């Protein structure tokens, strides 16, 4: 797992056209807005999170975010423990996101 600030996260994401964005927040939080094209895997629902994660290609680069950066760091660690090669945690999370969002 690599912790990246907002600028680093955007720069690394822009370099990889095959990267996957994962939003690990709850449905309630997503209703406040989300980053376009993100896959929703609510980490608070462990079973669904694991089912969804296990269906993903472990070789791709995954850019993971939550509201503040804690749950996404946890998600990255879990993903790496089950074989994901490259996970990137958005430090500060969606609460500090400045850019295109969908509401």
PDB file of N, CA and C in Angstrom:
ATOM      1  N   UNK A   1       0.842  -1.180   0.000  1.00  0.00           N
ATOM      2  CA  UNK A   1       0.000   0.000   0.000  1.00  0.00           C
ATOM      3  C   UNK A   1       0.881   1.234   0.000  1.00  0.00           C
ATOM      4  N   UNK A   2       0.426   2.193  -0.740  1.00  0.00           N
ATOM      5  CA  UNK A   2       1.118   3.460  -0.773  1.00  0.00           C
ATOM      6  C   UNK A   2       0.127   4.546  -0.368  1.00  0.00           C
ATOM      7  N   UNK A   3       0.472   5.342   0.634  1.00  0.00           N
ATOM      8  CA  UNK A   3      -0.343   6.485   1.027  1.00  0.00           C
ATOM      9  C   UNK A   3       0.030   7.659   0.135  1.00  0.00           C
ATOM     10  N   UNK A   4      -0.963   8.237  -0.530  1.00  0.00           N
ATOM     11  CA  UNK A   4      -0.711   9.369  -1.417  1.00  0.00           C
ATOM     12  C   UNK A   4      -1.582  10.547  -1.024  1.00  0.00           C
ATOM     13  N   UNK A   5      -1.001  11.755  -1.111  1.00  0.00           N
ATOM     14  CA  UNK A   5      -1.827  12.936  -0.880  1.00  0.00           C
ATOM     15  C   UNK A   5      -2.683  13.181  -2.119  1.00  0.00           C
ATOM     16  N   UNK A   6      -3.550  14.164  -2.060  1.00  0.00           N
ATOM     17  CA  UNK A   6      -4.487  14.423  -3.153  1.00  0.00           C
ATOM     18  C   UNK A   6      -3.779  14.583  -4.507  1.00  0.00           C
ATOM     19  N   UNK A   7      -2.747  15.398  -4.536  1.00  0.00           N
ATOM     20  CA  UNK A   7      -2.041  15.662  -5.788  1.00  0.00           C
ATOM     21  C   UNK A   7      -1.347  14.404  -6.317  1.00  0.00           C
ATOM     22  N   UNK A   8      -0.655  13.685  -5.450  1.00  0.00           N
ATOM     23  CA  UNK A   8       0.033  12.454  -5.868  1.00  0.00           C
ATOM     24  C   UNK A   8      -0.967  11.420  -6.385  1.00  0.00           C
ATOM     25  N   UNK A   9      -2.096  11.291  -5.692  1.00  0.00           N
ATOM     26  CA  UNK A   9      -3.132  10.319  -6.065  1.00  0.00           C
ATOM     27  C   UNK A   9      -3.641  10.618  -7.468  1.00  0.00           C
ATOM     28  N   UNK A  10      -3.946  11.899  -7.718  1.00  0.00           N
ATOM     29  CA  UNK A  10      -4.428  12.319  -9.040  1.00  0.00           C
ATOM     30  C   UNK A  10      -3.379  12.062 -10.123  1.00  0.00           C
ATOM     31  N   UNK A  11      -2.124  12.408  -9.828  1.00  0.00           N
ATOM     32  CA  UNK A  11      -1.048  12.239 -10.810  1.00  0.00           C
ATOM     33  C   UNK A  11      -0.844  10.769 -11.160  1.00  0.00           C
ATOM     34  N   UNK A  12      -0.798   9.911 -10.152  1.00  0.00           N
ATOM     35  CA  UNK A  12      -0.601   8.479 -10.393  1.00  0.00           C
ATOM     36  C   UNK A  12      -1.796   7.884 -11.134  1.00  0.00           C
ATOM     37  N   UNK A  13      -2.980   8.305 -10.758  1.00  0.00           N
ATOM     38  CA  UNK A  13      -4.199   7.822 -11.413  1.00  0.00           C
ATOM     39  C   UNK A  13      -4.214   8.235 -12.889  1.00  0.00           C
ATOM     40  N   UNK A  14      -3.800   9.457 -13.166  1.00  0.00           N
ATOM     41  CA  UNK A  14      -3.798   9.960 -14.543  1.00  0.00           C
ATOM     42  C   UNK A  14      -2.818   9.196 -15.441  1.00  0.00           C
ATOM     43  N   UNK A  15      -1.782   8.632 -14.865  1.00  0.00           N
ATOM     44  CA  UNK A  15      -0.773   7.889 -15.628  1.00  0.00           C
ATOM     45  C   UNK A  15      -1.252   6.508 -16.057  1.00  0.00           C
ATOM     46  N   UNK A  16      -2.308   6.000 -15.434  1.00  0.00           N
ATOM     47  CA  UNK A  16      -2.728   4.620 -15.648  1.00  0.00           C
ATOM     48  C   UNK A  16      -4.165   4.557 -16.167  1.00  0.00           C
ATOM     49  N   UNK A  17      -4.312   4.352 -17.455  1.00  0.00           N
ATOM     50  CA  UNK A  17      -5.651   4.309 -18.056  1.00  0.00           C
ATOM     51  C   UNK A  17      -6.421   3.046 -17.675  1.00  0.00           C
ATOM     52  N   UNK A  18      -5.750   2.065 -17.093  1.00  0.00           N
ATOM     53  CA  UNK A  18      -6.397   0.810 -16.710  1.00  0.00           C
ATOM     54  C   UNK A  18      -6.624   0.723 -15.197  1.00  0.00           C
ATOM     55  N   UNK A  19      -6.352   1.804 -14.476  1.00  0.00           N
ATOM     56  CA  UNK A  19      -6.494   1.818 -13.019  1.00  0.00           C
ATOM     57  C   UNK A  19      -7.962   1.726 -12.618  1.00  0.00           C
ATOM     58  N   UNK A  20      -8.185   1.267 -11.392  1.00  0.00           N
ATOM     59  CA  UNK A  20      -9.532   1.122 -10.856  1.00  0.00           C
ATOM     60  C   UNK A  20      -9.637   1.973  -9.586  1.00  0.00           C
ATOM     61  N   UNK A  21     -10.722   2.748  -9.491  1.00  0.00           N
ATOM     62  CA  UNK A  21     -10.996   3.548  -8.296  1.00  0.00           C
ATOM     63  C   UNK A  21     -12.018   2.790  -7.457  1.00  0.00           C
ATOM     64  N   UNK A  22     -11.734   2.655  -6.172  1.00  0.00           N
ATOM     65  CA  UNK A  22     -12.655   1.970  -5.272  1.00  0.00           C
ATOM     66  C   UNK A  22     -13.052   2.908  -4.136  1.00  0.00           C
ATOM     67  N   UNK A  23     -14.350   3.039  -3.951  1.00  0.00           N
ATOM     68  CA  UNK A  23     -14.937   3.842  -2.877  1.00  0.00           C
ATOM     69  C   UNK A  23     -15.402   2.863  -1.797  1.00  0.00           C
ATOM     70  N   UNK A  24     -14.831   2.955  -0.604  1.00  0.00           N
ATOM     71  CA  UNK A  24     -15.156   2.003   0.459  1.00  0.00           C
ATOM     72  C   UNK A  24     -16.119   2.591   1.504  1.00  0.00           C
ATOM     73  N   UNK A  25     -16.751   3.713   1.180  1.00  0.00           N
ATOM     74  CA  UNK A  25     -17.675   4.355   2.110  1.00  0.00           C
ATOM     75  C   UNK A  25     -19.042   3.659   2.102  1.00  0.00           C
ATOM     76  N   UNK A  26     -19.894   4.077   3.027  1.00  0.00           N
ATOM     77  CA  UNK A  26     -21.248   3.536   3.122  1.00  0.00           C
ATOM     78  C   UNK A  26     -22.148   4.165   2.055  1.00  0.00           C
ATOM     79  N   UNK A  27     -23.313   3.546   1.841  1.00  0.00           N
ATOM     80  CA  UNK A  27     -24.302   4.089   0.895  1.00  0.00           C
ATOM     81  C   UNK A  27     -24.694   5.516   1.284  1.00  0.00           C
ATOM     82  N   UNK A  28     -24.854   5.760   2.573  1.00  0.00           N
ATOM     83  CA  UNK A  28     -25.226   7.086   3.074  1.00  0.00           C
ATOM     84  C   UNK A  28     -24.172   8.121   2.667  1.00  0.00           C
ATOM     85  N   UNK A  29     -22.901   7.773   2.816  1.00  0.00           N
ATOM     86  CA  UNK A  29     -21.827   8.705   2.461  1.00  0.00           C
ATOM     87  C   UNK A  29     -21.774   8.939   0.953  1.00  0.00           C
ATOM     88  N   UNK A  30     -22.014   7.907   0.185  1.00  0.00           N
ATOM     89  CA  UNK A  30     -21.977   8.036  -1.272  1.00  0.00           C
ATOM     90  C   UNK A  30     -23.066   8.981  -1.760  1.00  0.00           C
ATOM     91  N   UNK A  31     -24.185   9.032  -1.043  1.00  0.00           N
ATOM     92  CA  UNK A  31     -25.273   9.938  -1.414  1.00  0.00           C
ATOM     93  C   UNK A  31     -24.824  11.401  -1.390  1.00  0.00           C
ATOM     94  N   UNK A  32     -23.739  11.689  -0.661  1.00  0.00           N
ATOM     95  CA  UNK A  32     -23.195  13.050  -0.586  1.00  0.00           C
ATOM     96  C   UNK A  32     -22.310  13.377  -1.787  1.00  0.00           C
ATOM     97  N   UNK A  33     -22.030  12.384  -2.623  1.00  0.00           N
ATOM     98  CA  UNK A  33     -21.188  12.568  -3.791  1.00  0.00           C
ATOM     99  C   UNK A  33     -20.105  11.518  -3.850  1.00  0.00           C
ATOM    100  N   UNK A  34     -19.566  11.317  -5.035  1.00  0.00           N
ATOM    101  CA  UNK A  34     -18.506  10.324  -5.217  1.00  0.00           C
ATOM    102  C   UNK A  34     -17.662  10.679  -6.433  1.00  0.00           C
ATOM    103  N   UNK A  35     -16.524  10.045  -6.537  1.00  0.00           N
ATOM    104  CA  UNK A  35     -15.634  10.256  -7.674  1.00  0.00           C
ATOM    105  C   UNK A  35     -16.174   9.422  -8.835  1.00  0.00           C
ATOM    106  N   UNK A  36     -16.358  10.029 -10.004  1.00  0.00           N
ATOM    107  CA  UNK A  36     -16.915   9.291 -11.147  1.00  0.00           C
ATOM    108  C   UNK A  36     -16.128   8.015 -11.464  1.00  0.00           C
ATOM    109  N   UNK A  37     -16.851   7.005 -11.892  1.00  0.00           N
ATOM    110  CA  UNK A  37     -16.305   5.712 -12.306  1.00  0.00           C
ATOM    111  C   UNK A  37     -15.770   4.852 -11.168  1.00  0.00           C
ATOM    112  N   UNK A  38     -16.018   5.259  -9.936  1.00  0.00           N
ATOM    113  CA  UNK A  38     -15.560   4.457  -8.789  1.00  0.00           C
ATOM    114  C   UNK A  38     -16.462   3.240  -8.600  1.00  0.00           C
ATOM    115  N   UNK A  39     -15.838   2.140  -8.196  1.00  0.00           N
ATOM    116  CA  UNK A  39     -16.556   0.931  -7.803  1.00  0.00           C
ATOM    117  C   UNK A  39     -16.850   1.063  -6.317  1.00  0.00           C
ATOM    118  N   UNK A  40     -18.070   0.737  -5.913  1.00  0.00           N
ATOM    119  CA  UNK A  40     -18.428   0.828  -4.497  1.00  0.00           C
ATOM    120  C   UNK A  40     -18.266  -0.535  -3.828  1.00  0.00           C
ATOM    121  N   UNK A  41     -17.386  -0.596  -2.830  1.00  0.00           N
ATOM    122  CA  UNK A  41     -17.205  -1.785  -1.996  1.00  0.00           C
ATOM    123  C   UNK A  41     -17.166  -1.308  -0.541  1.00  0.00           C
ATOM    124  N   UNK A  42     -18.312  -1.278   0.104  1.00  0.00           N
ATOM    125  CA  UNK A  42     -18.440  -0.776   1.472  1.00  0.00           C
ATOM    126  C   UNK A  42     -17.648  -1.657   2.441  1.00  0.00           C
ATOM    127  N   UNK A  43     -16.590  -1.112   3.000  1.00  0.00           N
ATOM    128  CA  UNK A  43     -15.743  -1.884   3.914  1.00  0.00           C
ATOM    129  C   UNK A  43     -16.456  -2.193   5.232  1.00  0.00           C
ATOM    130  N   UNK A  44     -17.521  -1.452   5.536  1.00  0.00           N
ATOM    131  CA  UNK A  44     -18.260  -1.718   6.768  1.00  0.00           C
ATOM    132  C   UNK A  44     -19.100  -2.993   6.655  1.00  0.00           C
ATOM    133  N   UNK A  45     -19.277  -3.482   5.460  1.00  0.00           N
ATOM    134  CA  UNK A  45     -19.953  -4.759   5.221  1.00  0.00           C
ATOM    135  C   UNK A  45     -18.872  -5.738   4.759  1.00  0.00           C
ATOM    136  N   UNK A  46     -18.204  -6.345   5.715  1.00  0.00           N
ATOM    137  CA  UNK A  46     -17.019  -7.169   5.435  1.00  0.00           C
ATOM    138  C   UNK A  46     -17.257  -8.265   4.408  1.00  0.00           C
ATOM    139  N   UNK A  47     -18.381  -8.956   4.511  1.00  0.00           N
ATOM    140  CA  UNK A  47     -18.668 -10.044   3.581  1.00  0.00           C
ATOM    141  C   UNK A  47     -18.778  -9.571   2.150  1.00  0.00           C
ATOM    142  N   UNK A  48     -19.555  -8.511   1.932  1.00  0.00           N
ATOM    143  CA  UNK A  48     -19.706  -7.975   0.579  1.00  0.00           C
ATOM    144  C   UNK A  48     -18.403  -7.370   0.070  1.00  0.00           C
ATOM    145  N   UNK A  49     -17.659  -6.726   0.975  1.00  0.00           N
ATOM    146  CA  UNK A  49     -16.372  -6.159   0.576  1.00  0.00           C
ATOM    147  C   UNK A  49     -15.449  -7.264   0.062  1.00  0.00           C
ATOM    148  N   UNK A  50     -15.342  -8.342   0.824  1.00  0.00           N
ATOM    149  CA  UNK A  50     -14.459  -9.442   0.436  1.00  0.00           C
ATOM    150  C   UNK A  50     -14.944 -10.120  -0.849  1.00  0.00           C
ATOM    151  N   UNK A  51     -16.249 -10.329  -0.976  1.00  0.00           N
ATOM    152  CA  UNK A  51     -16.785 -10.928  -2.206  1.00  0.00           C
ATOM    153  C   UNK A  51     -16.436 -10.069  -3.409  1.00  0.00           C
ATOM    154  N   UNK A  52     -16.661  -8.764  -3.286  1.00  0.00           N
ATOM    155  CA  UNK A  52     -16.360  -7.853  -4.392  1.00  0.00           C
ATOM    156  C   UNK A  52     -14.877  -7.796  -4.707  1.00  0.00           C
ATOM    157  N   UNK A  53     -14.053  -7.716  -3.677  1.00  0.00           N
ATOM    158  CA  UNK A  53     -12.603  -7.638  -3.878  1.00  0.00           C
ATOM    159  C   UNK A  53     -12.077  -8.894  -4.554  1.00  0.00           C
ATOM    160  N   UNK A  54     -12.590 -10.041  -4.153  1.00  0.00           N
ATOM    161  CA  UNK A  54     -12.108 -11.297  -4.734  1.00  0.00           C
ATOM    162  C   UNK A  54     -12.478 -11.478  -6.201  1.00  0.00           C
ATOM    163  N   UNK A  55     -13.395 -10.661  -6.706  1.00  0.00           N
ATOM    164  CA  UNK A  55     -13.775 -10.727  -8.123  1.00  0.00           C
ATOM    165  C   UNK A  55     -12.909  -9.815  -9.002  1.00  0.00           C
ATOM    166  N   UNK A  56     -12.080  -9.010  -8.374  1.00  0.00           N
ATOM    167  CA  UNK A  56     -11.261  -8.044  -9.118  1.00  0.00           C
ATOM    168  C   UNK A  56      -9.930  -8.654  -9.558  1.00  0.00           C
ATOM    169  N   UNK A  57      -9.360  -8.090 -10.611  1.00  0.00           N
ATOM    170  CA  UNK A  57      -8.057  -8.495 -11.132  1.00  0.00           C
ATOM    171  C   UNK A  57      -6.971  -7.984 -10.186  1.00  0.00           C
ATOM    172  N   UNK A  58      -6.281  -8.863  -9.522  1.00  0.00           N
ATOM    173  CA  UNK A  58      -5.296  -8.485  -8.507  1.00  0.00           C
ATOM    174  C   UNK A  58      -4.035  -7.839  -9.088  1.00  0.00           C
ATOM    175  N   UNK A  59      -3.888  -7.856 -10.402  1.00  0.00           N
ATOM    176  CA  UNK A  59      -2.705  -7.286 -11.040  1.00  0.00           C
ATOM    177  C   UNK A  59      -2.856  -5.800 -11.367  1.00  0.00           C
ATOM    178  N   UNK A  60      -4.080  -5.289 -11.367  1.00  0.00           N
ATOM    179  CA  UNK A  60      -4.300  -3.878 -11.704  1.00  0.00           C
ATOM    180  C   UNK A  60      -3.893  -2.976 -10.556  1.00  0.00           C
ATOM    181  N   UNK A  61      -3.873  -1.679 -10.822  1.00  0.00           N
ATOM    182  CA  UNK A  61      -3.609  -0.673  -9.795  1.00  0.00           C
ATOM    183  C   UNK A  61      -4.940  -0.181  -9.254  1.00  0.00           C
ATOM    184  N   UNK A  62      -5.065  -0.162  -7.919  1.00  0.00           N
ATOM    185  CA  UNK A  62      -6.307   0.218  -7.262  1.00  0.00           C
ATOM    186  C   UNK A  62      -6.110   1.474  -6.429  1.00  0.00           C
ATOM    187  N   UNK A  63      -6.920   2.486  -6.732  1.00  0.00           N
ATOM    188  CA  UNK A  63      -6.901   3.760  -6.033  1.00  0.00           C
ATOM    189  C   UNK A  63      -8.125   3.786  -5.128  1.00  0.00           C
ATOM    190  N   UNK A  64      -7.876   3.742  -3.815  1.00  0.00           N
ATOM    191  CA  UNK A  64      -8.932   3.493  -2.836  1.00  0.00           C
ATOM    192  C   UNK A  64      -9.144   4.738  -1.983  1.00  0.00           C
ATOM    193  N   UNK A  65     -10.437   5.068  -1.764  1.00  0.00           N
ATOM    194  CA  UNK A  65     -10.723   6.216  -0.909  1.00  0.00           C
ATOM    195  C   UNK A  65     -11.939   5.970  -0.024  1.00  0.00           C
ATOM    196  N   UNK A  66     -11.983   6.732   1.066  1.00  0.00           N
ATOM    197  CA  UNK A  66     -13.127   6.742   1.976  1.00  0.00           C
ATOM    198  C   UNK A  66     -13.370   8.201   2.342  1.00  0.00           C
ATOM    199  N   UNK A  67     -13.972   8.457   3.472  1.00  0.00           N
ATOM    200  CA  UNK A  67     -14.267   9.844   3.850  1.00  0.00           C
ATOM    201  C   UNK A  67     -13.014  10.602   4.292  1.00  0.00           C
ATOM    202  N   UNK A  68     -12.164   9.954   5.090  1.00  0.00           N
ATOM    203  CA  UNK A  68     -11.009  10.655   5.643  1.00  0.00           C
ATOM    204  C   UNK A  68      -9.665   9.956   5.435  1.00  0.00           C
ATOM    205  N   UNK A  69      -9.669   8.722   4.960  1.00  0.00           N
ATOM    206  CA  UNK A  69      -8.417   8.022   4.694  1.00  0.00           C
ATOM    207  C   UNK A  69      -8.130   6.817   5.570  1.00  0.00           C
ATOM    208  N   UNK A  70      -8.855   6.646   6.668  1.00  0.00           N
ATOM    209  CA  UNK A  70      -8.607   5.528   7.573  1.00  0.00           C
ATOM    210  C   UNK A  70      -9.143   4.203   7.059  1.00  0.00           C
ATOM    211  N   UNK A  71     -10.410   4.189   6.667  1.00  0.00           N
ATOM    212  CA  UNK A  71     -11.008   2.944   6.167  1.00  0.00           C
ATOM    213  C   UNK A  71     -10.378   2.522   4.843  1.00  0.00           C
ATOM    214  N   UNK A  72      -9.998   3.501   4.023  1.00  0.00           N
ATOM    215  CA  UNK A  72      -9.366   3.143   2.756  1.00  0.00           C
ATOM    216  C   UNK A  72      -7.976   2.544   2.991  1.00  0.00           C
ATOM    217  N   UNK A  73      -7.267   3.013   4.011  1.00  0.00           N
ATOM    218  CA  UNK A  73      -5.974   2.406   4.353  1.00  0.00           C
ATOM    219  C   UNK A  73      -6.191   0.968   4.810  1.00  0.00           C
ATOM    220  N   UNK A  74      -7.227   0.752   5.610  1.00  0.00           N
ATOM    221  CA  UNK A  74      -7.561  -0.597   6.065  1.00  0.00           C
ATOM    222  C   UNK A  74      -7.917  -1.480   4.865  1.00  0.00           C
ATOM    223  N   UNK A  75      -8.701  -0.951   3.937  1.00  0.00           N
ATOM    224  CA  UNK A  75      -9.086  -1.704   2.745  1.00  0.00           C
ATOM    225  C   UNK A  75      -7.859  -2.086   1.923  1.00  0.00           C
ATOM    226  N   UNK A  76      -6.928  -1.158   1.776  1.00  0.00           N
ATOM    227  CA  UNK A  76      -5.695  -1.448   1.028  1.00  0.00           C
ATOM    228  C   UNK A  76      -4.917  -2.583   1.689  1.00  0.00           C
ATOM    229  N   UNK A  77      -4.815  -2.553   3.008  1.00  0.00           N
ATOM    230  CA  UNK A  77      -4.089  -3.607   3.714  1.00  0.00           C
ATOM    231  C   UNK A  77      -4.772  -4.963   3.528  1.00  0.00           C
ATOM    232  N   UNK A  78      -6.086  -4.974   3.620  1.00  0.00           N
ATOM    233  CA  UNK A  78      -6.830  -6.228   3.410  1.00  0.00           C
ATOM    234  C   UNK A  78      -6.614  -6.719   1.982  1.00  0.00           C
ATOM    235  N   UNK A  79      -6.736  -5.827   1.024  1.00  0.00           N
ATOM    236  CA  UNK A  79      -6.567  -6.207  -0.380  1.00  0.00           C
ATOM    237  C   UNK A  79      -5.170  -6.783  -0.627  1.00  0.00           C
ATOM    238  N   UNK A  80      -4.162  -6.148  -0.061  1.00  0.00           N
ATOM    239  CA  UNK A  80      -2.801  -6.667  -0.248  1.00  0.00           C
ATOM    240  C   UNK A  80      -2.628  -8.019   0.439  1.00  0.00           C
ATOM    241  N   UNK A  81      -3.314  -8.233   1.564  1.00  0.00           N
ATOM    242  CA  UNK A  81      -3.192  -9.515   2.265  1.00  0.00           C
ATOM    243  C   UNK A  81      -3.796 -10.669   1.464  1.00  0.00           C
ATOM    244  N   UNK A  82      -4.697 -10.353   0.520  1.00  0.00           N
ATOM    245  CA  UNK A  82      -5.288 -11.404  -0.309  1.00  0.00           C
ATOM    246  C   UNK A  82      -4.713 -11.413  -1.725  1.00  0.00           C
ATOM    247  N   UNK A  83      -3.596 -10.703  -1.924  1.00  0.00           N
ATOM    248  CA  UNK A  83      -2.865 -10.842  -3.169  1.00  0.00           C
ATOM    249  C   UNK A  83      -2.849  -9.684  -4.135  1.00  0.00           C
ATOM    250  N   UNK A  84      -3.460  -8.565  -3.789  1.00  0.00           N
ATOM    251  CA  UNK A  84      -3.401  -7.406  -4.686  1.00  0.00           C
ATOM    252  C   UNK A  84      -1.984  -6.847  -4.684  1.00  0.00           C
ATOM    253  N   UNK A  85      -1.505  -6.502  -5.864  1.00  0.00           N
ATOM    254  CA  UNK A  85      -0.116  -6.047  -6.007  1.00  0.00           C
ATOM    255  C   UNK A  85       0.055  -4.562  -5.700  1.00  0.00           C
ATOM    256  N   UNK A  86      -0.883  -3.714  -6.165  1.00  0.00           N
ATOM    257  CA  UNK A  86      -0.705  -2.264  -6.059  1.00  0.00           C
ATOM    258  C   UNK A  86      -1.987  -1.578  -5.593  1.00  0.00           C
ATOM    259  N   UNK A  87      -1.952  -1.085  -4.357  1.00  0.00           N
ATOM    260  CA  UNK A  87      -3.069  -0.318  -3.827  1.00  0.00           C
ATOM    261  C   UNK A  87      -2.563   1.047  -3.370  1.00  0.00           C
ATOM    262  N   UNK A  88      -3.380   2.054  -3.635  1.00  0.00           N
ATOM    263  CA  UNK A  88      -3.009   3.432  -3.322  1.00  0.00           C
ATOM    264  C   UNK A  88      -4.108   4.066  -2.490  1.00  0.00           C
ATOM    265  N   UNK A  89      -3.767   4.482  -1.296  1.00  0.00           N
ATOM    266  CA  UNK A  89      -4.708   5.082  -0.363  1.00  0.00           C
ATOM    267  C   UNK A  89      -4.718   6.594  -0.519  1.00  0.00           C
ATOM    268  N   UNK A  90      -5.924   7.171  -0.628  1.00  0.00           N
ATOM    269  CA  UNK A  90      -6.070   8.627  -0.711  1.00  0.00           C
ATOM    270  C   UNK A  90      -6.090   9.209   0.699  1.00  0.00           C
ATOM    271  N   UNK A  91      -4.964   9.791   1.109  1.00  0.00           N
ATOM    272  CA  UNK A  91      -4.888  10.419   2.432  1.00  0.00           C
ATOM    273  C   UNK A  91      -5.817  11.636   2.462  1.00  0.00           C
ATOM    274  N   UNK A  92      -6.539  11.777   3.548  1.00  0.00           N
ATOM    275  CA  UNK A  92      -7.487  12.881   3.665  1.00  0.00           C
ATOM    276  C   UNK A  92      -8.849  12.538   3.108  1.00  0.00           C
ATOM    277  N   UNK A  93      -8.902  11.545   2.229  1.00  0.00           N
ATOM    278  CA  UNK A  93     -10.150  11.030   1.709  1.00  0.00           C
ATOM    279  C   UNK A  93     -11.002  12.003   0.921  1.00  0.00           C
ATOM    280  N   UNK A  94     -12.241  11.585   0.718  1.00  0.00           N
ATOM    281  CA  UNK A  94     -13.203  12.339  -0.077  1.00  0.00           C
ATOM    282  C   UNK A  94     -13.534  13.684   0.557  1.00  0.00           C
ATOM    283  N   UNK A  95     -13.428  13.777   1.880  1.00  0.00           N
ATOM    284  CA  UNK A  95     -13.771  15.029   2.556  1.00  0.00           C
ATOM    285  C   UNK A  95     -12.869  16.175   2.118  1.00  0.00           C
ATOM    286  N   UNK A  96     -11.693  15.846   1.566  1.00  0.00           N
ATOM    287  CA  UNK A  96     -10.781  16.887   1.087  1.00  0.00           C
ATOM    288  C   UNK A  96     -10.675  16.899  -0.431  1.00  0.00           C
ATOM    289  N   UNK A  97     -11.473  16.067  -1.093  1.00  0.00           N
ATOM    290  CA  UNK A  97     -11.397  15.951  -2.547  1.00  0.00           C
ATOM    291  C   UNK A  97     -11.822  17.254  -3.199  1.00  0.00           C
ATOM    292  N   UNK A  98     -10.989  17.724  -4.102  1.00  0.00           N
ATOM    293  CA  UNK A  98     -11.300  18.914  -4.881  1.00  0.00           C
ATOM    294  C   UNK A  98     -11.242  18.498  -6.339  1.00  0.00           C
ATOM    295  N   UNK A  99     -12.356  18.475  -6.968  1.00  0.00           N
ATOM    296  CA  UNK A  99     -12.367  18.073  -8.359  1.00  0.00           C
ATOM    297  C   UNK A  99     -13.733  17.569  -8.757  1.00  0.00           C
ATOM    298  N   UNK A 100     -13.766  16.849  -9.847  1.00  0.00           N
ATOM    299  CA  UNK A 100     -15.023  16.355 -10.393  1.00  0.00           C
ATOM    300  C   UNK A 100     -15.629  15.304  -9.471  1.00  0.00           C
ATOM    301  N   UNK A 101     -16.854  15.526  -9.118  1.00  0.00           N
ATOM    302  CA  UNK A 101     -17.602  14.546  -8.319  1.00  0.00           C
ATOM    303  C   UNK A 101     -19.000  14.400  -8.914  1.00  0.00           C
ATOM    304  N   UNK A 102     -19.641  13.356  -8.553  1.00  0.00           N
ATOM    305  CA  UNK A 102     -21.019  13.123  -8.967  1.00  0.00           C
ATOM    306  C   UNK A 102     -21.887  13.108  -7.728  1.00  0.00           C
ATOM    307  N   UNK A 103     -23.014  13.766  -7.799  1.00  0.00           N
ATOM    308  CA  UNK A 103     -23.940  13.788  -6.658  1.00  0.00           C
ATOM    309  C   UNK A 103     -25.256  13.197  -7.086  1.00  0.00           C
TER     310      UNK A 103
END
